[in-house]
Amino acid sequence: KPILKLTNKDYSENGLGELLALYGSAYNVNIRVFNDIQHT
């Protein structure tokens, strides 16, 4: 999947549930990482 289509389920089923706890939702993490990479 592309970054912006990752879901909470994708995170939790693949060992990245910690990021959901830190940022609240997959959407918040996706947007942050997408913007970071776009700027590179």
All heavy atoms as atom14 arrays in JSON, in Angstrom:
{
  "sequence": "KPILKLTNKDYSENGLGELLALYGSAYNVNIRVFNDIQHT",
  "atom14_mask": [
    [1, 1, 1, 1, 1, 1, 1, 1, 1, 0, 0, 0, 0, 0],
    [1, 1, 1, 1, 1, 1, 1, 0, 0, 0, 0, 0, 0, 0],
    [1, 1, 1, 1, 1, 1, 1, 1, 0, 0, 0, 0, 0, 0],
    [1, 1, 1, 1, 1, 1, 1, 1, 0, 0, 0, 0, 0, 0],
    [1, 1, 1, 1, 1, 1, 1, 1, 1, 0, 0, 0, 0, 0],
    [1, 1, 1, 1, 1, 1, 1, 1, 0, 0, 0, 0, 0, 0],
    [1, 1, 1, 1, 1, 1, 1, 0, 0, 0, 0, 0, 0, 0],
    [1, 1, 1, 1, 1, 1, 1, 1, 0, 0, 0, 0, 0, 0],
    [1, 1, 1, 1, 1, 1, 1, 1, 1, 0, 0, 0, 0, 0],
    [1, 1, 1, 1, 1, 1, 1, 1, 0, 0, 0, 0, 0, 0],
    [1, 1, 1, 1, 1, 1, 1, 1, 1, 1, 1, 1, 0, 0],
    [1, 1, 1, 1, 1, 1, 0, 0, 0, 0, 0, 0, 0, 0],
    [1, 1, 1, 1, 1, 1, 1, 1, 1, 0, 0, 0, 0, 0],
    [1, 1, 1, 1, 1, 1, 1, 1, 0, 0, 0, 0, 0, 0],
    [1, 1, 1, 1, 0, 0, 0, 0, 0, 0, 0, 0, 0, 0],
    [1, 1, 1, 1, 1, 1, 1, 1, 0, 0, 0, 0, 0, 0],
    [1, 1, 1, 1, 0, 0, 0, 0, 0, 0, 0, 0, 0, 0],
    [1, 1, 1, 1, 1, 1, 1, 1, 1, 0, 0, 0, 0, 0],
    [1, 1, 1, 1, 1, 1, 1, 1, 0, 0, 0, 0, 0, 0],
    [1, 1, 1, 1, 1, 1, 1, 1, 0, 0, 0, 0, 0, 0],
    [1, 1, 1, 1, 1, 0, 0, 0, 0, 0, 0, 0, 0, 0],
    [1, 1, 1, 1, 1, 1, 1, 1, 0, 0, 0, 0, 0, 0],
    [1, 1, 1, 1, 1, 1, 1, 1, 1, 1, 1, 1, 0, 0],
    [1, 1, 1, 1, 0, 0, 0, 0, 0, 0, 0, 0, 0, 0],
    [1, 1, 1, 1, 1, 1, 0, 0, 0, 0, 0, 0, 0, 0],
    [1, 1, 1, 1, 1, 0, 0, 0, 0, 0, 0, 0, 0, 0],
    [1, 1, 1, 1, 1, 1, 1, 1, 1, 1, 1, 1, 0, 0],
    [1, 1, 1, 1, 1, 1, 1, 1, 0, 0, 0, 0, 0, 0],
    [1, 1, 1, 1, 1, 1, 1, 0, 0, 0, 0, 0, 0, 0],
    [1, 1, 1, 1, 1, 1, 1, 1, 0, 0, 0, 0, 0, 0],
    [1, 1, 1, 1, 1, 1, 1, 1, 0, 0, 0, 0, 0, 0],
    [1, 1, 1, 1, 1, 1, 1, 1, 1, 1, 1, 0, 0, 0],
    [1, 1, 1, 1, 1, 1, 1, 0, 0, 0, 0, 0, 0, 0],
    [1, 1, 1, 1, 1, 1, 1, 1, 1, 1, 1, 0, 0, 0],
    [1, 1, 1, 1, 1, 1, 1, 1, 0, 0, 0, 0, 0, 0],
    [1, 1, 1, 1, 1, 1, 1, 1, 0, 0, 0, 0, 0, 0],
    [1, 1, 1, 1, 1, 1, 1, 1, 0, 0, 0, 0, 0, 0],
    [1, 1, 1, 1, 1, 1, 1, 1, 1, 0, 0, 0, 0, 0],
    [1, 1, 1, 1, 1, 1, 1, 1, 1, 1, 0, 0, 0, 0],
    [1, 1, 1, 1, 1, 1, 1, 0, 0, 0, 0, 0, 0, 0]
  ],
  "atom14_positions": [
    [[0.83, -1.21, 0.0], [0.0, 0.0, 0.0], [0.86, 1.26, 0.0], [1.95, 1.27, 0.56], [-0.89, 0.03, 1.25], [-1.97, -1.04, 1.3], [-2.79, -0.86, 2.58], [-3.93, -1.88, 2.66], [-4.73, -1.67, 3.9], [0.0, 0.0, 0.0], [0.0, 0.0, 0.0], [0.0, 0.0, 0.0], [0.0, 0.0, 0.0], [0.0, 0.0, 0.0]],
    [[0.35, 2.35, -0.58], [1.03, 3.64, -0.41], [0.83, 4.15, 1.02], [-0.07, 3.7, 1.73], [0.32, 4.55, -1.42], [-1.02, 3.93, -1.61], [-0.83, 2.44, -1.45], [0.0, 0.0, 0.0], [0.0, 0.0, 0.0], [0.0, 0.0, 0.0], [0.0, 0.0, 0.0], [0.0, 0.0, 0.0], [0.0, 0.0, 0.0], [0.0, 0.0, 0.0]],
    [[1.66, 5.1, 1.42], [1.65, 5.58, 2.81], [0.26, 6.04, 3.25], [-0.22, 5.67, 4.33], [2.66, 6.73, 2.99], [4.09, 6.22, 2.85], [2.49, 7.41, 4.35], [5.14, 7.3, 2.87], [0.0, 0.0, 0.0], [0.0, 0.0, 0.0], [0.0, 0.0, 0.0], [0.0, 0.0, 0.0], [0.0, 0.0, 0.0], [0.0, 0.0, 0.0]],
    [[-0.4, 6.82, 2.42], [-1.66, 7.44, 2.85], [-2.82, 6.46, 2.93], [-3.9, 6.82, 3.4], [-2.02, 8.59, 1.91], [-1.03, 9.77, 1.94], [-1.46, 10.86, 0.97], [-0.91, 10.34, 3.35], [0.0, 0.0, 0.0], [0.0, 0.0, 0.0], [0.0, 0.0, 0.0], [0.0, 0.0, 0.0], [0.0, 0.0, 0.0], [0.0, 0.0, 0.0]],
    [[-2.64, 5.22, 2.51], [-3.72, 4.23, 2.59], [-3.5, 3.2, 3.69], [-4.29, 2.26, 3.82], [-3.88, 3.52, 1.23], [-4.47, 4.43, 0.16], [-4.92, 3.65, -1.06], [-5.6, 4.58, -2.05], [-6.1, 3.85, -3.24], [0.0, 0.0, 0.0], [0.0, 0.0, 0.0], [0.0, 0.0, 0.0], [0.0, 0.0, 0.0], [0.0, 0.0, 0.0]],
    [[-2.46, 3.37, 4.48], [-2.25, 2.46, 5.61], [-3.32, 2.68, 6.66], [-3.72, 3.82, 6.94], [-0.86, 2.7, 6.22], [0.35, 2.36, 5.33], [1.64, 2.82, 6.0], [0.42, 0.86, 5.04], [0.0, 0.0, 0.0], [0.0, 0.0, 0.0], [0.0, 0.0, 0.0], [0.0, 0.0, 0.0], [0.0, 0.0, 0.0], [0.0, 0.0, 0.0]],
    [[-3.79, 1.61, 7.27], [-4.87, 1.68, 8.26], [-4.39, 1.29, 9.65], [-3.3, 0.75, 9.81], [-6.02, 0.74, 7.85], [-5.55, -0.63, 7.93], [-6.51, 1.03, 6.44], [0.0, 0.0, 0.0], [0.0, 0.0, 0.0], [0.0, 0.0, 0.0], [0.0, 0.0, 0.0], [0.0, 0.0, 0.0], [0.0, 0.0, 0.0], [0.0, 0.0, 0.0]],
    [[-5.25, 1.55, 10.64], [-4.93, 1.12, 12.01], [-4.66, -0.38, 12.07], [-3.79, -0.84, 12.8], [-6.1, 1.46, 12.94], [-6.18, 2.95, 13.24], [-5.39, 3.73, 12.73], [-7.12, 3.33, 14.08], [0.0, 0.0, 0.0], [0.0, 0.0, 0.0], [0.0, 0.0, 0.0], [0.0, 0.0, 0.0], [0.0, 0.0, 0.0], [0.0, 0.0, 0.0]],
    [[-5.42, -1.15, 11.3], [-5.24, -2.6, 11.27], [-3.87, -2.98, 10.75], [-3.22, -3.89, 11.28], [-6.34, -3.23, 10.4], [-6.31, -4.75, 10.39], [-7.44, -5.31, 9.53], [-7.36, -6.84, 9.5], [-8.43, -7.41, 8.63], [0.0, 0.0, 0.0], [0.0, 0.0, 0.0], [0.0, 0.0, 0.0], [0.0, 0.0, 0.0], [0.0, 0.0, 0.0]],
    [[-3.4, -2.28, 9.72], [-2.07, -2.56, 9.16], [-1.01, -2.36, 10.24], [-0.06, -3.16, 10.36], [-1.78, -1.65, 7.96], [-2.69, -1.94, 6.78], [-3.04, -3.11, 6.58], [-3.05, -0.99, 6.07], [0.0, 0.0, 0.0], [0.0, 0.0, 0.0], [0.0, 0.0, 0.0], [0.0, 0.0, 0.0], [0.0, 0.0, 0.0], [0.0, 0.0, 0.0]],
    [[-1.14, -1.31, 11.0], [-0.17, -1.0, 12.05], [-0.2, -2.06, 13.14], [0.81, -2.6, 13.56], [-0.45, 0.37, 12.65], [0.08, 1.54, 11.84], [-0.6, 2.0, 10.72], [1.26, 2.18, 12.2], [-0.13, 3.07, 9.97], [1.74, 3.25, 11.47], [1.05, 3.69, 10.36], [1.54, 4.73, 9.62], [0.0, 0.0, 0.0], [0.0, 0.0, 0.0]],
    [[-1.41, -2.35, 13.64], [-1.53, -3.23, 14.8], [-1.16, -4.67, 14.48], [-0.65, -5.39, 15.33], [-2.95, -3.15, 15.37], [-3.9, -3.54, 14.38], [0.0, 0.0, 0.0], [0.0, 0.0, 0.0], [0.0, 0.0, 0.0], [0.0, 0.0, 0.0], [0.0, 0.0, 0.0], [0.0, 0.0, 0.0], [0.0, 0.0, 0.0], [0.0, 0.0, 0.0]],
    [[-1.41, -5.12, 13.24], [-1.12, -6.51, 12.88], [0.34, -6.74, 12.51], [0.76, -7.88, 12.33], [-2.02, -6.94, 11.71], [-3.47, -7.11, 12.09], [-4.31, -7.65, 10.94], [-3.79, -7.69, 9.8], [-5.47, -8.03, 11.19], [0.0, 0.0, 0.0], [0.0, 0.0, 0.0], [0.0, 0.0, 0.0], [0.0, 0.0, 0.0], [0.0, 0.0, 0.0]],
    [[1.11, -5.68, 12.4], [2.5, -5.83, 11.97], [3.5, -5.21, 12.94], [4.56, -4.71, 12.55], [2.68, -5.21, 10.56], [1.93, -5.99, 9.5], [2.32, -7.1, 9.15], [0.84, -5.43, 9.01], [0.0, 0.0, 0.0], [0.0, 0.0, 0.0], [0.0, 0.0, 0.0], [0.0, 0.0, 0.0], [0.0, 0.0, 0.0], [0.0, 0.0, 0.0]],
    [[3.16, -5.25, 14.21], [4.11, -4.87, 15.26], [4.3, -3.39, 15.46], [5.23, -2.97, 16.15], [0.0, 0.0, 0.0], [0.0, 0.0, 0.0], [0.0, 0.0, 0.0], [0.0, 0.0, 0.0], [0.0, 0.0, 0.0], [0.0, 0.0, 0.0], [0.0, 0.0, 0.0], [0.0, 0.0, 0.0], [0.0, 0.0, 0.0], [0.0, 0.0, 0.0]],
    [[3.45, -2.54, 14.87], [3.62, -1.09, 14.98], [2.51, -0.43, 15.79], [2.21, 0.76, 15.61], [3.71, -0.48, 13.58], [4.97, -0.87, 12.79], [4.9, -0.37, 11.35], [6.23, -0.33, 13.47], [0.0, 0.0, 0.0], [0.0, 0.0, 0.0], [0.0, 0.0, 0.0], [0.0, 0.0, 0.0], [0.0, 0.0, 0.0], [0.0, 0.0, 0.0]],
    [[1.89, -1.2, 16.68], [0.85, -0.65, 17.53], [1.35, 0.48, 18.42], [0.58, 1.37, 18.81], [0.0, 0.0, 0.0], [0.0, 0.0, 0.0], [0.0, 0.0, 0.0], [0.0, 0.0, 0.0], [0.0, 0.0, 0.0], [0.0, 0.0, 0.0], [0.0, 0.0, 0.0], [0.0, 0.0, 0.0], [0.0, 0.0, 0.0], [0.0, 0.0, 0.0]],
    [[2.64, 0.49, 18.73], [3.22, 1.57, 19.55], [3.01, 2.93, 18.9], [2.77, 3.93, 19.59], [4.71, 1.33, 19.75], [5.06, 0.39, 20.88], [6.57, 0.38, 21.13], [7.35, 0.41, 20.17], [6.95, 0.35, 22.31], [0.0, 0.0, 0.0], [0.0, 0.0, 0.0], [0.0, 0.0, 0.0], [0.0, 0.0, 0.0], [0.0, 0.0, 0.0]],
    [[3.1, 2.98, 17.57], [2.93, 4.26, 16.87], [1.49, 4.76, 16.96], [1.24, 5.97, 17.03], [3.36, 4.12, 15.41], [4.86, 3.91, 15.17], [5.15, 3.77, 13.69], [5.66, 5.08, 15.76], [0.0, 0.0, 0.0], [0.0, 0.0, 0.0], [0.0, 0.0, 0.0], [0.0, 0.0, 0.0], [0.0, 0.0, 0.0], [0.0, 0.0, 0.0]],
    [[0.55, 3.83, 16.96], [-0.85, 4.23, 17.13], [-1.06, 4.84, 18.51], [-1.79, 5.83, 18.67], [-1.78, 3.02, 16.95], [-1.77, 2.35, 15.57], [-2.75, 1.17, 15.56], [-2.13, 3.35, 14.48], [0.0, 0.0, 0.0], [0.0, 0.0, 0.0], [0.0, 0.0, 0.0], [0.0, 0.0, 0.0], [0.0, 0.0, 0.0], [0.0, 0.0, 0.0]],
    [[-0.41, 4.25, 19.52], [-0.53, 4.78, 20.88], [0.11, 6.16, 20.99], [-0.39, 7.04, 21.7], [0.12, 3.81, 21.87], [0.0, 0.0, 0.0], [0.0, 0.0, 0.0], [0.0, 0.0, 0.0], [0.0, 0.0, 0.0], [0.0, 0.0, 0.0], [0.0, 0.0, 0.0], [0.0, 0.0, 0.0], [0.0, 0.0, 0.0], [0.0, 0.0, 0.0]],
    [[1.23, 6.36, 20.27], [1.94, 7.64, 20.34], [1.21, 8.76, 19.6], [1.19, 9.91, 20.05], [3.35, 7.48, 19.76], [4.37, 6.74, 20.62], [5.65, 6.48, 19.83], [4.71, 7.54, 21.88], [0.0, 0.0, 0.0], [0.0, 0.0, 0.0], [0.0, 0.0, 0.0], [0.0, 0.0, 0.0], [0.0, 0.0, 0.0], [0.0, 0.0, 0.0]],
    [[0.59, 8.45, 18.44], [0.04, 9.5, 17.58], [-1.48, 9.44, 17.43], [-2.07, 10.28, 16.75], [0.7, 9.43, 16.19], [2.16, 9.8, 16.26], [3.14, 8.82, 16.33], [2.55, 11.13, 16.28], [4.48, 9.14, 16.41], [3.89, 11.48, 16.36], [4.85, 10.48, 16.44], [6.17, 10.82, 16.53], [0.0, 0.0, 0.0], [0.0, 0.0, 0.0]],
    [[-2.1, 8.46, 18.03], [-3.55, 8.44, 18.07], [-4.22, 7.65, 16.96], [-5.25, 7.02, 17.18], [0.0, 0.0, 0.0], [0.0, 0.0, 0.0], [0.0, 0.0, 0.0], [0.0, 0.0, 0.0], [0.0, 0.0, 0.0], [0.0, 0.0, 0.0], [0.0, 0.0, 0.0], [0.0, 0.0, 0.0], [0.0, 0.0, 0.0], [0.0, 0.0, 0.0]],
    [[-3.67, 7.7, 15.75], [-4.29, 6.98, 14.63], [-3.29, 6.81, 13.5], [-2.27, 7.51, 13.42], [-5.51, 7.74, 14.1], [-5.1, 8.92, 13.43], [0.0, 0.0, 0.0], [0.0, 0.0, 0.0], [0.0, 0.0, 0.0], [0.0, 0.0, 0.0], [0.0, 0.0, 0.0], [0.0, 0.0, 0.0], [0.0, 0.0, 0.0], [0.0, 0.0, 0.0]],
    [[-3.61, 5.87, 12.6], [-2.77, 5.66, 11.42], [-2.74, 6.93, 10.56], [-1.7, 7.28, 10.0], [-3.29, 4.47, 10.61], [0.0, 0.0, 0.0], [0.0, 0.0, 0.0], [0.0, 0.0, 0.0], [0.0, 0.0, 0.0], [0.0, 0.0, 0.0], [0.0, 0.0, 0.0], [0.0, 0.0, 0.0], [0.0, 0.0, 0.0], [0.0, 0.0, 0.0]],
    [[-3.88, 7.6, 10.48], [-3.96, 8.81, 9.65], [-2.91, 9.84, 10.08], [-2.23, 10.43, 9.23], [-5.36, 9.41, 9.76], [-5.52, 10.72, 9.01], [-5.76, 10.72, 7.64], [-5.41, 11.94, 9.68], [-5.89, 11.92, 6.95], [-5.53, 13.14, 9.0], [-5.77, 13.13, 7.63], [-5.88, 14.3, 6.95], [0.0, 0.0, 0.0], [0.0, 0.0, 0.0]],
    [[-2.79, 10.07, 11.39], [-1.84, 11.07, 11.89], [-0.4, 10.69, 11.54], [0.41, 11.55, 11.15], [-1.98, 11.22, 13.41], [-3.31, 11.84, 13.8], [-3.95, 12.52, 12.99], [-3.74, 11.59, 15.03], [0.0, 0.0, 0.0], [0.0, 0.0, 0.0], [0.0, 0.0, 0.0], [0.0, 0.0, 0.0], [0.0, 0.0, 0.0], [0.0, 0.0, 0.0]],
    [[-0.07, 9.41, 11.69], [1.28, 8.97, 11.36], [1.51, 9.08, 9.86], [2.56, 9.55, 9.4], [1.53, 7.51, 11.82], [2.99, 7.14, 11.63], [1.14, 7.32, 13.27], [0.0, 0.0, 0.0], [0.0, 0.0, 0.0], [0.0, 0.0, 0.0], [0.0, 0.0, 0.0], [0.0, 0.0, 0.0], [0.0, 0.0, 0.0], [0.0, 0.0, 0.0]],
    [[0.54, 8.64, 9.07], [0.68, 8.66, 7.61], [0.97, 10.07, 7.08], [1.87, 10.27, 6.26], [-0.6, 8.14, 6.94], [-0.88, 6.68, 7.26], [-0.01, 5.99, 7.79], [-2.07, 6.21, 6.94], [0.0, 0.0, 0.0], [0.0, 0.0, 0.0], [0.0, 0.0, 0.0], [0.0, 0.0, 0.0], [0.0, 0.0, 0.0], [0.0, 0.0, 0.0]],
    [[0.19, 11.03, 7.53], [0.36, 12.4, 7.07], [1.73, 12.94, 7.44], [2.43, 13.57, 6.63], [-0.75, 13.32, 7.66], [-2.09, 13.02, 7.01], [-0.39, 14.79, 7.48], [-2.16, 13.37, 5.54], [0.0, 0.0, 0.0], [0.0, 0.0, 0.0], [0.0, 0.0, 0.0], [0.0, 0.0, 0.0], [0.0, 0.0, 0.0], [0.0, 0.0, 0.0]],
    [[2.15, 12.67, 8.67], [3.44, 13.17, 9.13], [4.59, 12.59, 8.3], [5.46, 13.33, 7.83], [3.64, 12.81, 10.6], [5.03, 13.13, 11.11], [5.18, 12.9, 12.58], [6.56, 13.1, 12.99], [6.96, 13.24, 14.23], [6.08, 13.23, 15.19], [8.23, 13.4, 14.51], [0.0, 0.0, 0.0], [0.0, 0.0, 0.0], [0.0, 0.0, 0.0]],
    [[4.58, 11.28, 8.09], [5.66, 10.64, 7.34], [5.62, 11.04, 5.88], [6.65, 11.3, 5.25], [5.58, 9.1, 7.49], [6.6, 8.42, 6.59], [5.81, 8.7, 8.94], [0.0, 0.0, 0.0], [0.0, 0.0, 0.0], [0.0, 0.0, 0.0], [0.0, 0.0, 0.0], [0.0, 0.0, 0.0], [0.0, 0.0, 0.0], [0.0, 0.0, 0.0]],
    [[4.41, 11.13, 5.3], [4.27, 11.54, 3.9], [4.88, 12.92, 3.68], [5.63, 13.14, 2.72], [2.79, 11.54, 3.5], [2.55, 11.93, 2.07], [2.65, 11.0, 1.05], [2.24, 13.25, 1.75], [2.44, 11.37, -0.27], [2.03, 13.63, 0.42], [2.12, 12.68, -0.59], [0.0, 0.0, 0.0], [0.0, 0.0, 0.0], [0.0, 0.0, 0.0]],
    [[4.56, 13.86, 4.56], [5.1, 15.21, 4.44], [6.62, 15.23, 4.61], [7.33, 15.94, 3.9], [4.44, 16.14, 5.46], [3.0, 16.45, 5.11], [2.61, 16.36, 3.95], [2.2, 16.82, 6.1], [0.0, 0.0, 0.0], [0.0, 0.0, 0.0], [0.0, 0.0, 0.0], [0.0, 0.0, 0.0], [0.0, 0.0, 0.0], [0.0, 0.0, 0.0]],
    [[7.12, 14.44, 5.56], [8.57, 14.38, 5.77], [9.29, 13.89, 4.52], [10.3, 14.45, 4.1], [8.9, 13.45, 6.95], [8.63, 14.11, 8.29], [8.39, 15.33, 8.3], [8.69, 13.42, 9.32], [0.0, 0.0, 0.0], [0.0, 0.0, 0.0], [0.0, 0.0, 0.0], [0.0, 0.0, 0.0], [0.0, 0.0, 0.0], [0.0, 0.0, 0.0]],
    [[8.78, 12.82, 3.94], [9.44, 12.25, 2.76], [9.29, 13.16, 1.55], [10.21, 13.33, 0.75], [8.88, 10.83, 2.46], [9.28, 9.88, 3.59], [9.39, 10.3, 1.13], [8.76, 8.48, 3.43], [0.0, 0.0, 0.0], [0.0, 0.0, 0.0], [0.0, 0.0, 0.0], [0.0, 0.0, 0.0], [0.0, 0.0, 0.0], [0.0, 0.0, 0.0]],
    [[8.13, 13.81, 1.42], [7.89, 14.72, 0.31], [8.93, 15.85, 0.29], [9.4, 16.26, -0.77], [6.48, 15.3, 0.41], [6.05, 16.12, -0.81], [4.63, 16.62, -0.67], [4.26, 17.14, 0.39], [3.83, 16.46, -1.7], [0.0, 0.0, 0.0], [0.0, 0.0, 0.0], [0.0, 0.0, 0.0], [0.0, 0.0, 0.0], [0.0, 0.0, 0.0]],
    [[9.29, 16.31, 1.48], [10.24, 17.41, 1.57], [11.68, 17.0, 1.22], [12.55, 17.85, 1.1], [10.21, 18.01, 2.98], [9.05, 18.91, 3.22], [8.12, 18.69, 4.22], [8.61, 20.02, 2.57], [7.19, 19.63, 4.19], [7.47, 20.44, 3.19], [0.0, 0.0, 0.0], [0.0, 0.0, 0.0], [0.0, 0.0, 0.0], [0.0, 0.0, 0.0]],
    [[11.92, 15.69, 1.1], [13.28, 15.26, 0.75], [13.5, 15.22, -0.75], [14.62, 15.03, -1.22], [13.57, 13.85, 1.31], [12.79, 12.88, 0.61], [13.3, 13.77, 2.8], [0.0, 0.0, 0.0], [0.0, 0.0, 0.0], [0.0, 0.0, 0.0], [0.0, 0.0, 0.0], [0.0, 0.0, 0.0], [0.0, 0.0, 0.0], [0.0, 0.0, 0.0]]
  ]
}
